[in-house]
Amino acid sequence: MEITEVSEINLYVTGRVIVFIDGRKKLVRDKLKLEPSKTDDYYTVKKGDMFDEIAYRYYNKFVLRAETCWWMITDMNKVKNPLFMEPFIGKEILIPNIQRVLLSLQ
């Protein structure tokens, strides 16, 4: 697969933010709805890891700005707060095959 730009199909870009009366905000967007596949990878999270760095490590050969694809990993692993890595340290997470994800978004 040739290198592509994924910003146009980023589900975070197409989401919308709801602001509640008390000032709280919530991002509402569609999430990936893919089942795990044999073409996916797995990675054991280490202390200090961040999802954008993991995305870059796995996707930089396929897309420009690969670090912006972190949401693909968090969606597939049902992550509620992508900035809070503690629950994942030492655990194996699914790294979806980016070619499969991109095809599903077209």
PDB file of N, CA and C in Angstrom:
ATOM      1  N   MET A   1       0.854  -1.183   0.000  1.00  0.00           N
ATOM      2  CA  MET A   1       0.000   0.000   0.000  1.00  0.00           C
ATOM      3  C   MET A   1       0.887   1.229   0.000  1.00  0.00           C
ATOM      4  N   GLU A   2       0.526   2.201  -0.796  1.00  0.00           N
ATOM      5  CA  GLU A   2       1.307   3.433  -0.841  1.00  0.00           C
ATOM      6  C   GLU A   2       0.972   4.314   0.362  1.00  0.00           C
ATOM      7  N   ILE A   3       1.854   5.235   0.647  1.00  0.00           N
ATOM      8  CA  ILE A   3       1.628   6.148   1.764  1.00  0.00           C
ATOM      9  C   ILE A   3       0.468   7.062   1.423  1.00  0.00           C
ATOM     10  N   THR A   4      -0.409   7.247   2.392  1.00  0.00           N
ATOM     11  CA  THR A   4      -1.599   8.074   2.188  1.00  0.00           C
ATOM     12  C   THR A   4      -1.761   9.029   3.361  1.00  0.00           C
ATOM     13  N   GLU A   5      -2.586  10.008   3.200  1.00  0.00           N
ATOM     14  CA  GLU A   5      -2.913  10.959   4.269  1.00  0.00           C
ATOM     15  C   GLU A   5      -4.265  10.541   4.844  1.00  0.00           C
ATOM     16  N   VAL A   6      -4.358  10.403   6.153  1.00  0.00           N
ATOM     17  CA  VAL A   6      -5.599   9.924   6.747  1.00  0.00           C
ATOM     18  C   VAL A   6      -6.400  11.008   7.441  1.00  0.00           C
ATOM     19  N   SER A   7      -5.961  12.236   7.424  1.00  0.00           N
ATOM     20  CA  SER A   7      -6.665  13.280   8.169  1.00  0.00           C
ATOM     21  C   SER A   7      -8.103  13.473   7.683  1.00  0.00           C
ATOM     22  N   GLU A   8      -8.372  13.258   6.416  1.00  0.00           N
ATOM     23  CA  GLU A   8      -9.717  13.449   5.900  1.00  0.00           C
ATOM     24  C   GLU A   8     -10.683  12.396   6.414  1.00  0.00           C
ATOM     25  N   ILE A   9     -10.180  11.241   6.828  1.00  0.00           N
ATOM     26  CA  ILE A   9     -11.068  10.174   7.280  1.00  0.00           C
ATOM     27  C   ILE A   9     -10.930   9.912   8.768  1.00  0.00           C
ATOM     28  N   ASN A  10     -10.374  10.845   9.499  1.00  0.00           N
ATOM     29  CA  ASN A  10     -10.196  10.715  10.937  1.00  0.00           C
ATOM     30  C   ASN A  10     -11.547  10.881  11.618  1.00  0.00           C
ATOM     31  N   LEU A  11     -11.991   9.849  12.317  1.00  0.00           N
ATOM     32  CA  LEU A  11     -13.298   9.902  12.958  1.00  0.00           C
ATOM     33  C   LEU A  11     -13.351  10.916  14.097  1.00  0.00           C
ATOM     34  N   TYR A  12     -12.191  11.335  14.603  1.00  0.00           N
ATOM     35  CA  TYR A  12     -12.196  12.392  15.605  1.00  0.00           C
ATOM     36  C   TYR A  12     -12.459  13.740  14.958  1.00  0.00           C
ATOM     37  N   VAL A  13     -12.007  13.918  13.745  1.00  0.00           N
ATOM     38  CA  VAL A  13     -12.242  15.173  13.036  1.00  0.00           C
ATOM     39  C   VAL A  13     -13.721  15.306  12.687  1.00  0.00           C
ATOM     40  N   THR A  14     -14.369  14.206  12.365  1.00  0.00           N
ATOM     41  CA  THR A  14     -15.766  14.253  11.958  1.00  0.00           C
ATOM     42  C   THR A  14     -16.723  14.178  13.134  1.00  0.00           C
ATOM     43  N   GLY A  15     -16.206  14.035  14.352  1.00  0.00           N
ATOM     44  CA  GLY A  15     -17.056  14.026  15.540  1.00  0.00           C
ATOM     45  C   GLY A  15     -17.494  15.436  15.894  1.00  0.00           C
ATOM     46  N   ARG A  16     -18.329  15.524  16.911  1.00  0.00           N
ATOM     47  CA  ARG A  16     -18.740  16.843  17.386  1.00  0.00           C
ATOM     48  C   ARG A  16     -18.667  16.859  18.912  1.00  0.00           C
ATOM     49  N   VAL A  17     -18.424  18.035  19.454  1.00  0.00           N
ATOM     50  CA  VAL A  17     -18.306  18.205  20.893  1.00  0.00           C
ATOM     51  C   VAL A  17     -19.609  18.780  21.426  1.00  0.00           C
ATOM     52  N   ILE A  18     -20.169  18.110  22.429  1.00  0.00           N
ATOM     53  CA  ILE A  18     -21.370  18.598  23.100  1.00  0.00           C
ATOM     54  C   ILE A  18     -20.909  19.283  24.384  1.00  0.00           C
ATOM     55  N   VAL A  19     -21.343  20.524  24.594  1.00  0.00           N
ATOM     56  CA  VAL A  19     -21.004  21.265  25.807  1.00  0.00           C
ATOM     57  C   VAL A  19     -22.246  21.322  26.686  1.00  0.00           C
ATOM     58  N   PHE A  20     -22.123  20.795  27.911  1.00  0.00           N
ATOM     59  CA  PHE A  20     -23.235  20.779  28.853  1.00  0.00           C
ATOM     60  C   PHE A  20     -23.308  22.112  29.606  1.00  0.00           C
ATOM     61  N   ILE A  21     -24.445  22.375  30.224  1.00  0.00           N
ATOM     62  CA  ILE A  21     -24.652  23.626  30.962  1.00  0.00           C
ATOM     63  C   ILE A  21     -23.584  23.839  32.021  1.00  0.00           C
ATOM     64  N   ASP A  22     -23.145  22.761  32.687  1.00  0.00           N
ATOM     65  CA  ASP A  22     -22.135  22.889  33.752  1.00  0.00           C
ATOM     66  C   ASP A  22     -20.709  23.016  33.211  1.00  0.00           C
ATOM     67  N   GLY A  23     -20.552  23.093  31.881  1.00  0.00           N
ATOM     68  CA  GLY A  23     -19.232  23.283  31.289  1.00  0.00           C
ATOM     69  C   GLY A  23     -18.539  22.002  30.854  1.00  0.00           C
ATOM     70  N   ARG A  24     -19.062  20.848  31.274  1.00  0.00           N
ATOM     71  CA  ARG A  24     -18.458  19.588  30.837  1.00  0.00           C
ATOM     72  C   ARG A  24     -18.610  19.443  29.327  1.00  0.00           C
ATOM     73  N   LYS A  25     -17.645  18.727  28.738  1.00  0.00           N
ATOM     74  CA  LYS A  25     -17.684  18.503  27.298  1.00  0.00           C
ATOM     75  C   LYS A  25     -17.612  17.013  27.016  1.00  0.00           C
ATOM     76  N   LYS A  26     -18.257  16.624  25.943  1.00  0.00           N
ATOM     77  CA  LYS A  26     -18.231  15.218  25.536  1.00  0.00           C
ATOM     78  C   LYS A  26     -18.081  15.145  24.025  1.00  0.00           C
ATOM     79  N   LEU A  27     -17.137  14.325  23.574  1.00  0.00           N
ATOM     80  CA  LEU A  27     -16.947  14.095  22.149  1.00  0.00           C
ATOM     81  C   LEU A  27     -17.887  12.987  21.704  1.00  0.00           C
ATOM     82  N   VAL A  28     -18.692  13.276  20.704  1.00  0.00           N
ATOM     83  CA  VAL A  28     -19.612  12.291  20.151  1.00  0.00           C
ATOM     84  C   VAL A  28     -19.172  12.012  18.719  1.00  0.00           C
ATOM     85  N   ARG A  29     -18.940  10.761  18.432  1.00  0.00           N
ATOM     86  CA  ARG A  29     -18.485  10.383  17.101  1.00  0.00           C
ATOM     87  C   ARG A  29     -18.736   8.908  16.869  1.00  0.00           C
ATOM     88  N   ASP A  30     -18.714   8.497  15.625  1.00  0.00           N
ATOM     89  CA  ASP A  30     -18.778   7.080  15.294  1.00  0.00           C
ATOM     90  C   ASP A  30     -17.436   6.448  15.628  1.00  0.00           C
ATOM     91  N   LYS A  31     -17.463   5.224  16.116  1.00  0.00           N
ATOM     92  CA  LYS A  31     -16.230   4.499  16.389  1.00  0.00           C
ATOM     93  C   LYS A  31     -16.089   3.366  15.381  1.00  0.00           C
ATOM     94  N   LEU A  32     -14.871   2.897  15.246  1.00  0.00           N
ATOM     95  CA  LEU A  32     -14.627   1.761  14.355  1.00  0.00           C
ATOM     96  C   LEU A  32     -15.445   0.570  14.814  1.00  0.00           C
ATOM     97  N   LYS A  33     -16.008  -0.119  13.865  1.00  0.00           N
ATOM     98  CA  LYS A  33     -16.783  -1.315  14.176  1.00  0.00           C
ATOM     99  C   LYS A  33     -16.203  -2.471  13.377  1.00  0.00           C
ATOM    100  N   LEU A  34     -15.021  -2.891  13.768  1.00  0.00           N
ATOM    101  CA  LEU A  34     -14.345  -4.002  13.101  1.00  0.00           C
ATOM    102  C   LEU A  34     -14.084  -5.114  14.100  1.00  0.00           C
ATOM    103  N   GLU A  35     -14.147  -6.328  13.630  1.00  0.00           N
ATOM    104  CA  GLU A  35     -13.767  -7.471  14.450  1.00  0.00           C
ATOM    105  C   GLU A  35     -12.266  -7.698  14.277  1.00  0.00           C
ATOM    106  N   PRO A  36     -11.598  -8.237  15.303  1.00  0.00           N
ATOM    107  CA  PRO A  36     -10.176  -8.571  15.140  1.00  0.00           C
ATOM    108  C   PRO A  36      -9.973  -9.522  13.956  1.00  0.00           C
ATOM    109  N   SER A  37      -8.800  -9.421  13.350  1.00  0.00           N
ATOM    110  CA  SER A  37      -8.482 -10.211  12.161  1.00  0.00           C
ATOM    111  C   SER A  37      -7.093 -10.834  12.311  1.00  0.00           C
ATOM    112  N   LYS A  38      -6.840 -11.859  11.542  1.00  0.00           N
ATOM    113  CA  LYS A  38      -5.518 -12.496  11.552  1.00  0.00           C
ATOM    114  C   LYS A  38      -4.436 -11.554  11.043  1.00  0.00           C
ATOM    115  N   THR A  39      -4.828 -10.500  10.336  1.00  0.00           N
ATOM    116  CA  THR A  39      -3.845  -9.553   9.796  1.00  0.00           C
ATOM    117  C   THR A  39      -3.467  -8.476  10.807  1.00  0.00           C
ATOM    118  N   ASP A  40      -4.144  -8.450  11.961  1.00  0.00           N
ATOM    119  CA  ASP A  40      -3.836  -7.476  13.003  1.00  0.00           C
ATOM    120  C   ASP A  40      -2.586  -7.909  13.776  1.00  0.00           C
ATOM    121  N   ASP A  41      -2.005  -6.963  14.497  1.00  0.00           N
ATOM    122  CA  ASP A  41      -0.858  -7.241  15.364  1.00  0.00           C
ATOM    123  C   ASP A  41      -1.287  -7.072  16.815  1.00  0.00           C
ATOM    124  N   TYR A  42      -0.387  -7.471  17.704  1.00  0.00           N
ATOM    125  CA  TYR A  42      -0.596  -7.258  19.136  1.00  0.00           C
ATOM    126  C   TYR A  42       0.672  -6.650  19.710  1.00  0.00           C
ATOM    127  N   TYR A  43       0.496  -5.838  20.737  1.00  0.00           N
ATOM    128  CA  TYR A  43       1.617  -5.153  21.370  1.00  0.00           C
ATOM    129  C   TYR A  43       1.392  -5.137  22.878  1.00  0.00           C
ATOM    130  N   THR A  44       2.450  -5.432  23.652  1.00  0.00           N
ATOM    131  CA  THR A  44       2.369  -5.355  25.104  1.00  0.00           C
ATOM    132  C   THR A  44       2.801  -3.962  25.538  1.00  0.00           C
ATOM    133  N   VAL A  45       1.894  -3.251  26.193  1.00  0.00           N
ATOM    134  CA  VAL A  45       2.124  -1.865  26.601  1.00  0.00           C
ATOM    135  C   VAL A  45       3.152  -1.813  27.724  1.00  0.00           C
ATOM    136  N   LYS A  46       4.087  -0.878  27.582  1.00  0.00           N
ATOM    137  CA  LYS A  46       5.135  -0.661  28.578  1.00  0.00           C
ATOM    138  C   LYS A  46       4.925   0.686  29.254  1.00  0.00           C
ATOM    139  N   LYS A  47       5.458   0.825  30.452  1.00  0.00           N
ATOM    140  CA  LYS A  47       5.371   2.095  31.173  1.00  0.00           C
ATOM    141  C   LYS A  47       6.014   3.182  30.306  1.00  0.00           C
ATOM    142  N   GLY A  48       5.355   4.303  30.169  1.00  0.00           N
ATOM    143  CA  GLY A  48       5.848   5.406  29.347  1.00  0.00           C
ATOM    144  C   GLY A  48       5.283   5.423  27.935  1.00  0.00           C
ATOM    145  N   ASP A  49       4.639   4.333  27.508  1.00  0.00           N
ATOM    146  CA  ASP A  49       4.019   4.301  26.182  1.00  0.00           C
ATOM    147  C   ASP A  49       2.838   5.261  26.117  1.00  0.00           C
ATOM    148  N   MET A  50       2.603   5.779  24.920  1.00  0.00           N
ATOM    149  CA  MET A  50       1.415   6.586  24.634  1.00  0.00           C
ATOM    150  C   MET A  50       0.842   6.054  23.315  1.00  0.00           C
ATOM    151  N   PHE A  51      -0.456   6.162  23.163  1.00  0.00           N
ATOM    152  CA  PHE A  51      -1.096   5.599  21.976  1.00  0.00           C
ATOM    153  C   PHE A  51      -0.608   6.225  20.680  1.00  0.00           C
ATOM    154  N   ASP A  52      -0.310   7.515  20.682  1.00  0.00           N
ATOM    155  CA  ASP A  52       0.176   8.132  19.443  1.00  0.00           C
ATOM    156  C   ASP A  52       1.547   7.591  19.058  1.00  0.00           C
ATOM    157  N   GLU A  53       2.389   7.294  20.039  1.00  0.00           N
ATOM    158  CA  GLU A  53       3.715   6.727  19.750  1.00  0.00           C
ATOM    159  C   GLU A  53       3.600   5.297  19.232  1.00  0.00           C
ATOM    160  N   ILE A  54       2.677   4.539  19.801  1.00  0.00           N
ATOM    161  CA  ILE A  54       2.453   3.168  19.336  1.00  0.00           C
ATOM    162  C   ILE A  54       1.939   3.202  17.897  1.00  0.00           C
ATOM    163  N   ALA A  55       1.009   4.107  17.608  1.00  0.00           N
ATOM    164  CA  ALA A  55       0.479   4.237  16.243  1.00  0.00           C
ATOM    165  C   ALA A  55       1.602   4.575  15.270  1.00  0.00           C
ATOM    166  N   TYR A  56       2.470   5.495  15.649  1.00  0.00           N
ATOM    167  CA  TYR A  56       3.580   5.866  14.773  1.00  0.00           C
ATOM    168  C   TYR A  56       4.469   4.655  14.491  1.00  0.00           C
ATOM    169  N   ARG A  57       4.773   3.912  15.538  1.00  0.00           N
ATOM    170  CA  ARG A  57       5.652   2.738  15.407  1.00  0.00           C
ATOM    171  C   ARG A  57       5.093   1.719  14.417  1.00  0.00           C
ATOM    172  N   TYR A  58       3.787   1.512  14.453  1.00  0.00           N
ATOM    173  CA  TYR A  58       3.184   0.488  13.600  1.00  0.00           C
ATOM    174  C   TYR A  58       2.751   1.001  12.224  1.00  0.00           C
ATOM    175  N   TYR A  59       2.421   2.286  12.104  1.00  0.00           N
ATOM    176  CA  TYR A  59       1.802   2.779  10.875  1.00  0.00           C
ATOM    177  C   TYR A  59       2.657   3.713  10.039  1.00  0.00           C
ATOM    178  N   ASN A  60       3.848   4.093  10.498  1.00  0.00           N
ATOM    179  CA  ASN A  60       4.618   5.124   9.782  1.00  0.00           C
ATOM    180  C   ASN A  60       5.064   4.710   8.386  1.00  0.00           C
ATOM    181  N   LYS A  61       5.074   3.437   8.079  1.00  0.00           N
ATOM    182  CA  LYS A  61       5.448   2.996   6.733  1.00  0.00           C
ATOM    183  C   LYS A  61       4.280   3.081   5.754  1.00  0.00           C
ATOM    184  N   PHE A  62       3.086   3.301   6.295  1.00  0.00           N
ATOM    185  CA  PHE A  62       1.890   3.245   5.463  1.00  0.00           C
ATOM    186  C   PHE A  62       1.195   4.584   5.266  1.00  0.00           C
ATOM    187  N   VAL A  63       1.284   5.466   6.261  1.00  0.00           N
ATOM    188  CA  VAL A  63       0.553   6.734   6.177  1.00  0.00           C
ATOM    189  C   VAL A  63       1.431   7.882   6.656  1.00  0.00           C
ATOM    190  N   LEU A  64       1.141   9.061   6.136  1.00  0.00           N
ATOM    191  CA  LEU A  64       1.777  10.271   6.631  1.00  0.00           C
ATOM    192  C   LEU A  64       1.149  10.621   7.970  1.00  0.00           C
ATOM    193  N   ARG A  65       1.931  11.211   8.852  1.00  0.00           N
ATOM    194  CA  ARG A  65       1.449  11.597  10.179  1.00  0.00           C
ATOM    195  C   ARG A  65       0.793  10.412  10.892  1.00  0.00           C
ATOM    196  N   ALA A  66       1.495   9.305  10.913  1.00  0.00           N
ATOM    197  CA  ALA A  66       0.973   8.055  11.472  1.00  0.00           C
ATOM    198  C   ALA A  66       0.536   8.194  12.923  1.00  0.00           C
ATOM    199  N   GLU A  67       1.161   9.111  13.656  1.00  0.00           N
ATOM    200  CA  GLU A  67       0.808   9.288  15.069  1.00  0.00           C
ATOM    201  C   GLU A  67      -0.641   9.753  15.248  1.00  0.00           C
ATOM    202  N   THR A  68      -1.225  10.349  14.207  1.00  0.00           N
ATOM    203  CA  THR A  68      -2.611  10.801  14.311  1.00  0.00           C
ATOM    204  C   THR A  68      -3.601   9.635  14.180  1.00  0.00           C
ATOM    205  N   CYS A  69      -3.115   8.454  13.923  1.00  0.00           N
ATOM    206  CA  CYS A  69      -3.978   7.273  13.783  1.00  0.00           C
ATOM    207  C   CYS A  69      -4.164   6.526  15.098  1.00  0.00           C
ATOM    208  N   TRP A  70      -3.791   7.143  16.210  1.00  0.00           N
ATOM    209  CA  TRP A  70      -3.913   6.504  17.521  1.00  0.00           C
ATOM    210  C   TRP A  70      -5.338   6.076  17.823  1.00  0.00           C
ATOM    211  N   TRP A  71      -6.324   6.802  17.324  1.00  0.00           N
ATOM    212  CA  TRP A  71      -7.727   6.507  17.590  1.00  0.00           C
ATOM    213  C   TRP A  71      -8.145   5.152  17.032  1.00  0.00           C
ATOM    214  N   MET A  72      -7.467   4.681  15.997  1.00  0.00           N
ATOM    215  CA  MET A  72      -7.771   3.351  15.466  1.00  0.00           C
ATOM    216  C   MET A  72      -7.467   2.290  16.514  1.00  0.00           C
ATOM    217  N   ILE A  73      -6.348   2.461  17.195  1.00  0.00           N
ATOM    218  CA  ILE A  73      -5.938   1.517  18.231  1.00  0.00           C
ATOM    219  C   ILE A  73      -6.859   1.618  19.443  1.00  0.00           C
ATOM    220  N   THR A  74      -7.180   2.850  19.857  1.00  0.00           N
ATOM    221  CA  THR A  74      -8.021   2.999  21.047  1.00  0.00           C
ATOM    222  C   THR A  74      -9.449   2.511  20.788  1.00  0.00           C
ATOM    223  N   ASP A  75      -9.964   2.727  19.597  1.00  0.00           N
ATOM    224  CA  ASP A  75     -11.306   2.219  19.281  1.00  0.00           C
ATOM    225  C   ASP A  75     -11.338   0.697  19.338  1.00  0.00           C
ATOM    226  N   MET A  76     -10.364   0.057  18.737  1.00  0.00           N
ATOM    227  CA  MET A  76     -10.345  -1.407  18.690  1.00  0.00           C
ATOM    228  C   MET A  76     -10.144  -2.029  20.070  1.00  0.00           C
ATOM    229  N   ASN A  77      -9.577  -1.262  20.996  1.00  0.00           N
ATOM    230  CA  ASN A  77      -9.339  -1.769  22.349  1.00  0.00           C
ATOM    231  C   ASN A  77     -10.323  -1.203  23.369  1.00  0.00           C
ATOM    232  N   LYS A  78     -11.361  -0.510  22.879  1.00  0.00           N
ATOM    233  CA  LYS A  78     -12.422   0.051  23.719  1.00  0.00           C
ATOM    234  C   LYS A  78     -11.872   0.910  24.861  1.00  0.00           C
ATOM    235  N   VAL A  79     -10.911   1.767  24.511  1.00  0.00           N
ATOM    236  CA  VAL A  79     -10.281   2.664  25.484  1.00  0.00           C
ATOM    237  C   VAL A  79     -11.205   3.849  25.726  1.00  0.00           C
ATOM    238  N   LYS A  80     -11.487   4.127  26.999  1.00  0.00           N
ATOM    239  CA  LYS A  80     -12.356   5.261  27.338  1.00  0.00           C
ATOM    240  C   LYS A  80     -11.577   6.562  27.442  1.00  0.00           C
ATOM    241  N   ASN A  81     -10.381   6.525  28.035  1.00  0.00           N
ATOM    242  CA  ASN A  81      -9.554   7.723  28.178  1.00  0.00           C
ATOM    243  C   ASN A  81      -8.170   7.429  27.600  1.00  0.00           C
ATOM    244  N   PRO A  82      -7.906   7.879  26.378  1.00  0.00           N
ATOM    245  CA  PRO A  82      -6.637   7.544  25.721  1.00  0.00           C
ATOM    246  C   PRO A  82      -5.408   8.189  26.363  1.00  0.00           C
ATOM    247  N   LEU A  83      -5.605   9.114  27.289  1.00  0.00           N
ATOM    248  CA  LEU A  83      -4.467   9.732  27.963  1.00  0.00           C
ATOM    249  C   LEU A  83      -4.079   8.971  29.233  1.00  0.00           C
ATOM    250  N   PHE A  84      -4.911   8.053  29.680  1.00  0.00           N
ATOM    251  CA  PHE A  84      -4.673   7.301  30.905  1.00  0.00           C
ATOM    252  C   PHE A  84      -4.199   5.895  30.530  1.00  0.00           C
ATOM    253  N   MET A  85      -2.883   5.698  30.521  1.00  0.00           N
ATOM    254  CA  MET A  85      -2.286   4.443  30.055  1.00  0.00           C
ATOM    255  C   MET A  85      -2.150   3.379  31.147  1.00  0.00           C
ATOM    256  N   GLU A  86      -2.256   3.779  32.397  1.00  0.00           N
ATOM    257  CA  GLU A  86      -2.002   2.861  33.515  1.00  0.00           C
ATOM    258  C   GLU A  86      -2.726   1.514  33.403  1.00  0.00           C
ATOM    259  N   PRO A  87      -4.013   1.484  33.065  1.00  0.00           N
ATOM    260  CA  PRO A  87      -4.705   0.187  33.021  1.00  0.00           C
ATOM    261  C   PRO A  87      -4.142  -0.785  31.975  1.00  0.00           C
ATOM    262  N   PHE A  88      -3.355  -0.278  31.034  1.00  0.00           N
ATOM    263  CA  PHE A  88      -2.878  -1.099  29.927  1.00  0.00           C
ATOM    264  C   PHE A  88      -1.431  -1.575  30.088  1.00  0.00           C
ATOM    265  N   ILE A  89      -0.712  -1.011  31.051  1.00  0.00           N
ATOM    266  CA  ILE A  89       0.697  -1.380  31.235  1.00  0.00           C
ATOM    267  C   ILE A  89       0.794  -2.872  31.540  1.00  0.00           C
ATOM    268  N   GLY A  90       1.625  -3.557  30.756  1.00  0.00           N
ATOM    269  CA  GLY A  90       1.810  -4.996  30.914  1.00  0.00           C
ATOM    270  C   GLY A  90       0.775  -5.839  30.205  1.00  0.00           C
ATOM    271  N   LYS A  91      -0.206  -5.192  29.591  1.00  0.00           N
ATOM    272  CA  LYS A  91      -1.259  -5.925  28.899  1.00  0.00           C
ATOM    273  C   LYS A  91      -1.058  -5.837  27.394  1.00  0.00           C
ATOM    274  N   GLU A  92      -1.556  -6.845  26.727  1.00  0.00           N
ATOM    275  CA  GLU A  92      -1.468  -6.905  25.272  1.00  0.00           C
ATOM    276  C   GLU A  92      -2.666  -6.181  24.669  1.00  0.00           C
ATOM    277  N   ILE A  93      -2.390  -5.277  23.725  1.00  0.00           N
ATOM    278  CA  ILE A  93      -3.470  -4.579  23.019  1.00  0.00           C
ATOM    279  C   ILE A  93      -3.433  -4.960  21.545  1.00  0.00           C
ATOM    280  N   LEU A  94      -4.562  -4.840  20.914  1.00  0.00           N
ATOM    281  CA  LEU A  94      -4.688  -5.148  19.494  1.00  0.00           C
ATOM    282  C   LEU A  94      -4.291  -3.928  18.672  1.00  0.00           C
ATOM    283  N   ILE A  95      -3.463  -4.142  17.679  1.00  0.00           N
ATOM    284  CA  ILE A  95      -3.073  -3.090  16.732  1.00  0.00           C
ATOM    285  C   ILE A  95      -3.725  -3.457  15.397  1.00  0.00           C
ATOM    286  N   PRO A  96      -4.821  -2.770  15.046  1.00  0.00           N
ATOM    287  CA  PRO A  96      -5.518  -3.154  13.816  1.00  0.00           C
ATOM    288  C   PRO A  96      -4.675  -2.900  12.570  1.00  0.00           C
ATOM    289  N   ASN A  97      -4.831  -3.772  11.615  1.00  0.00           N
ATOM    290  CA  ASN A  97      -4.161  -3.618  10.331  1.00  0.00           C
ATOM    291  C   ASN A  97      -4.691  -2.355   9.670  1.00  0.00           C
ATOM    292  N   ILE A  98      -3.808  -1.394   9.452  1.00  0.00           N
ATOM    293  CA  ILE A  98      -4.249  -0.084   8.965  1.00  0.00           C
ATOM    294  C   ILE A  98      -4.854  -0.150   7.567  1.00  0.00           C
ATOM    295  N   GLN A  99      -4.384  -1.061   6.738  1.00  0.00           N
ATOM    296  CA  GLN A  99      -4.960  -1.193   5.403  1.00  0.00           C
ATOM    297  C   GLN A  99      -6.426  -1.609   5.499  1.00  0.00           C
ATOM    298  N   ARG A 100      -6.705  -2.532   6.397  1.00  0.00           N
ATOM    299  CA  ARG A 100      -8.077  -2.987   6.608  1.00  0.00           C
ATOM    300  C   ARG A 100      -8.949  -1.862   7.157  1.00  0.00           C
ATOM    301  N   VAL A 101      -8.407  -1.093   8.106  1.00  0.00           N
ATOM    302  CA  VAL A 101      -9.166   0.028   8.672  1.00  0.00           C
ATOM    303  C   VAL A 101      -9.487   1.057   7.596  1.00  0.00           C
ATOM    304  N   LEU A 102      -8.481   1.433   6.815  1.00  0.00           N
ATOM    305  CA  LEU A 102      -8.695   2.435   5.772  1.00  0.00           C
ATOM    306  C   LEU A 102      -9.736   1.982   4.752  1.00  0.00           C
ATOM    307  N   LEU A 103      -9.695   0.709   4.392  1.00  0.00           N
ATOM    308  CA  LEU A 103     -10.699   0.186   3.442  1.00  0.00           C
ATOM    309  C   LEU A 103     -12.094   0.253   4.042  1.00  0.00           C
ATOM    310  N   SER A 104     -12.216  -0.008   5.346  1.00  0.00           N
ATOM    311  CA  SER A 104     -13.533   0.004   5.989  1.00  0.00           C
ATOM    312  C   SER A 104     -14.116   1.415   6.079  1.00  0.00           C
ATOM    313  N   LEU A 105     -13.280   2.447   5.989  1.00  0.00           N
ATOM    314  CA  LEU A 105     -13.730   3.827   6.126  1.00  0.00           C
ATOM    315  C   LEU A 105     -14.093   4.470   4.803  1.00  0.00           C
ATOM    316  N   GLN A 106     -13.825   3.789   3.706  1.00  0.00           N
ATOM    317  CA  GLN A 106     -14.117   4.370   2.394  1.00  0.00           C
ATOM    318  C   GLN A 106     -15.563   4.237   2.024  1.00  0.00           C
TER     319      GLN A 106
END
